[in-house]
Amino acid sequence: MREFNAVVAHFGGEALTGRLQALEGGRGVMRIALDPGAGDAAALQEGHEGVLELHDGARFRVSVQERLAEAGEWRVKLIGRA
């Protein structure tokens, strides 16, 4: 098991490491931060879908909502279990 709040974001064949920053408003929206040098973040584009793997191995399909002003932070929306 990885560190609590650690995530692996799978987008476009890339596996990007990072962490869950916050759950936002109970609408299935989360804010994630990707580690610098984690891979090619170009695969994360607004509207793209991918899989977010949580620290305990649970996997969820998510869609990218927006890139936040903070470097390496993204808002994603939960679609369902993967």
C-alpha atoms as a PDB file:
ATOM      1  CA  MET A   1       0.000   0.000   0.000  1.00  0.00           C
ATOM      2  CA  ARG A   2       1.293   3.456  -0.895  1.00  0.00           C
ATOM      3  CA  GLU A   3       1.280   6.599   1.224  1.00  0.00           C
ATOM      4  CA  PHE A   4      -2.189   7.896   2.162  1.00  0.00           C
ATOM      5  CA  ASN A   5      -3.590  10.244  -0.534  1.00  0.00           C
ATOM      6  CA  ALA A   6      -1.043   9.025  -3.113  1.00  0.00           C
ATOM      7  CA  VAL A   7      -2.546   8.524  -6.575  1.00  0.00           C
ATOM      8  CA  VAL A   8      -1.476   7.273  -9.969  1.00  0.00           C
ATOM      9  CA  ALA A   9      -3.285   8.978 -12.850  1.00  0.00           C
ATOM     10  CA  HIS A  10      -3.476   6.869 -16.011  1.00  0.00           C
ATOM     11  CA  PHE A  11      -4.072   9.067 -19.073  1.00  0.00           C
ATOM     12  CA  GLY A  12      -3.193   8.294 -22.684  1.00  0.00           C
ATOM     13  CA  GLY A  13      -0.780   5.477 -21.895  1.00  0.00           C
ATOM     14  CA  GLU A  14       1.025   7.550 -19.236  1.00  0.00           C
ATOM     15  CA  ALA A  15       1.098   6.720 -15.524  1.00  0.00           C
ATOM     16  CA  LEU A  16       1.536   9.982 -13.621  1.00  0.00           C
ATOM     17  CA  THR A  17       2.171   9.944  -9.870  1.00  0.00           C
ATOM     18  CA  GLY A  18       0.753  12.525  -7.539  1.00  0.00           C
ATOM     19  CA  ARG A  19      -1.560  13.041  -4.603  1.00  0.00           C
ATOM     20  CA  LEU A  20      -5.181  13.809  -3.848  1.00  0.00           C
ATOM     21  CA  GLN A  21      -5.354  17.411  -2.639  1.00  0.00           C
ATOM     22  CA  ALA A  22      -9.068  17.795  -1.847  1.00  0.00           C
ATOM     23  CA  LEU A  23     -12.596  16.538  -2.375  1.00  0.00           C
ATOM     24  CA  GLU A  24     -14.677  19.460  -3.558  1.00  0.00           C
ATOM     25  CA  GLY A  25     -18.290  19.901  -2.570  1.00  0.00           C
ATOM     26  CA  GLY A  26     -19.570  16.324  -2.633  1.00  0.00           C
ATOM     27  CA  ARG A  27     -20.291  16.433  -6.378  1.00  0.00           C
ATOM     28  CA  GLY A  28     -17.671  13.831  -7.243  1.00  0.00           C
ATOM     29  CA  VAL A  29     -15.098  16.525  -7.986  1.00  0.00           C
ATOM     30  CA  MET A  30     -11.515  16.139  -6.752  1.00  0.00           C
ATOM     31  CA  ARG A  31      -8.387  18.215  -6.957  1.00  0.00           C
ATOM     32  CA  ILE A  32      -5.176  16.320  -7.661  1.00  0.00           C
ATOM     33  CA  ALA A  33      -1.567  17.492  -7.824  1.00  0.00           C
ATOM     34  CA  LEU A  34       0.931  15.691 -10.045  1.00  0.00           C
ATOM     35  CA  ASP A  35       4.539  15.239  -9.007  1.00  0.00           C
ATOM     36  CA  PRO A  36       7.056  17.276 -11.024  1.00  0.00           C
ATOM     37  CA  GLY A  37       8.714  15.028 -13.575  1.00  0.00           C
ATOM     38  CA  ALA A  38       6.033  12.361 -13.096  1.00  0.00           C
ATOM     39  CA  GLY A  39       5.712  11.916 -16.836  1.00  0.00           C
ATOM     40  CA  ASP A  40       4.071  13.596 -19.768  1.00  0.00           C
ATOM     41  CA  ALA A  41       1.235  15.704 -18.351  1.00  0.00           C
ATOM     42  CA  ALA A  42       0.331  16.654 -21.950  1.00  0.00           C
ATOM     43  CA  ALA A  43      -2.015  13.634 -21.863  1.00  0.00           C
ATOM     44  CA  LEU A  44      -4.184  15.572 -19.396  1.00  0.00           C
ATOM     45  CA  GLN A  45      -6.456  17.833 -21.391  1.00  0.00           C
ATOM     46  CA  GLU A  46      -9.830  19.235 -20.416  1.00  0.00           C
ATOM     47  CA  GLY A  47     -12.526  16.742 -21.357  1.00  0.00           C
ATOM     48  CA  HIS A  48     -10.181  13.726 -21.544  1.00  0.00           C
ATOM     49  CA  GLU A  49     -11.004  10.626 -19.553  1.00  0.00           C
ATOM     50  CA  GLY A  50      -8.620   8.416 -17.633  1.00  0.00           C
ATOM     51  CA  VAL A  51      -8.267   6.244 -14.560  1.00  0.00           C
ATOM     52  CA  LEU A  52      -7.245   7.444 -11.117  1.00  0.00           C
ATOM     53  CA  GLU A  53      -5.736   4.748  -8.911  1.00  0.00           C
ATOM     54  CA  LEU A  54      -5.848   5.571  -5.204  1.00  0.00           C
ATOM     55  CA  HIS A  55      -3.304   4.597  -2.541  1.00  0.00           C
ATOM     56  CA  ASP A  56      -5.334   1.511  -1.554  1.00  0.00           C
ATOM     57  CA  GLY A  57      -5.561   0.196  -5.131  1.00  0.00           C
ATOM     58  CA  ALA A  58      -9.137   1.368  -5.806  1.00  0.00           C
ATOM     59  CA  ARG A  59      -9.505   2.589  -9.405  1.00  0.00           C
ATOM     60  CA  PHE A  60     -11.991   5.174 -10.675  1.00  0.00           C
ATOM     61  CA  ARG A  61     -12.752   6.559 -14.108  1.00  0.00           C
ATOM     62  CA  VAL A  62     -12.441  10.334 -14.126  1.00  0.00           C
ATOM     63  CA  SER A  63     -12.704  13.170 -16.607  1.00  0.00           C
ATOM     64  CA  VAL A  64     -10.450  16.218 -16.520  1.00  0.00           C
ATOM     65  CA  GLN A  65     -12.477  19.347 -15.765  1.00  0.00           C
ATOM     66  CA  GLU A  66      -9.762  22.001 -15.723  1.00  0.00           C
ATOM     67  CA  ARG A  67      -6.135  22.790 -15.082  1.00  0.00           C
ATOM     68  CA  LEU A  68      -5.808  25.006 -12.037  1.00  0.00           C
ATOM     69  CA  ALA A  69      -3.572  28.044 -11.812  1.00  0.00           C
ATOM     70  CA  GLU A  70      -1.262  26.218  -9.409  1.00  0.00           C
ATOM     71  CA  ALA A  71       1.469  24.328 -11.250  1.00  0.00           C
ATOM     72  CA  GLY A  72       0.618  20.667 -11.658  1.00  0.00           C
ATOM     73  CA  GLU A  73      -2.887  20.803 -10.131  1.00  0.00           C
ATOM     74  CA  TRP A  74      -5.990  19.548 -11.904  1.00  0.00           C
ATOM     75  CA  ARG A  75      -9.697  19.318 -11.119  1.00  0.00           C
ATOM     76  CA  VAL A  76     -11.190  15.950 -12.111  1.00  0.00           C
ATOM     77  CA  LYS A  77     -14.742  14.603 -11.903  1.00  0.00           C
ATOM     78  CA  LEU A  78     -15.550  11.069 -10.846  1.00  0.00           C
ATOM     79  CA  ILE A  79     -17.402   9.093 -13.542  1.00  0.00           C
ATOM     80  CA  GLY A  80     -17.508   5.642 -11.938  1.00  0.00           C
ATOM     81  CA  ARG A  81     -15.468   2.642 -10.845  1.00  0.00           C
ATOM     82  CA  ALA A  82     -12.915   1.256 -13.250  1.00  0.00           C
END
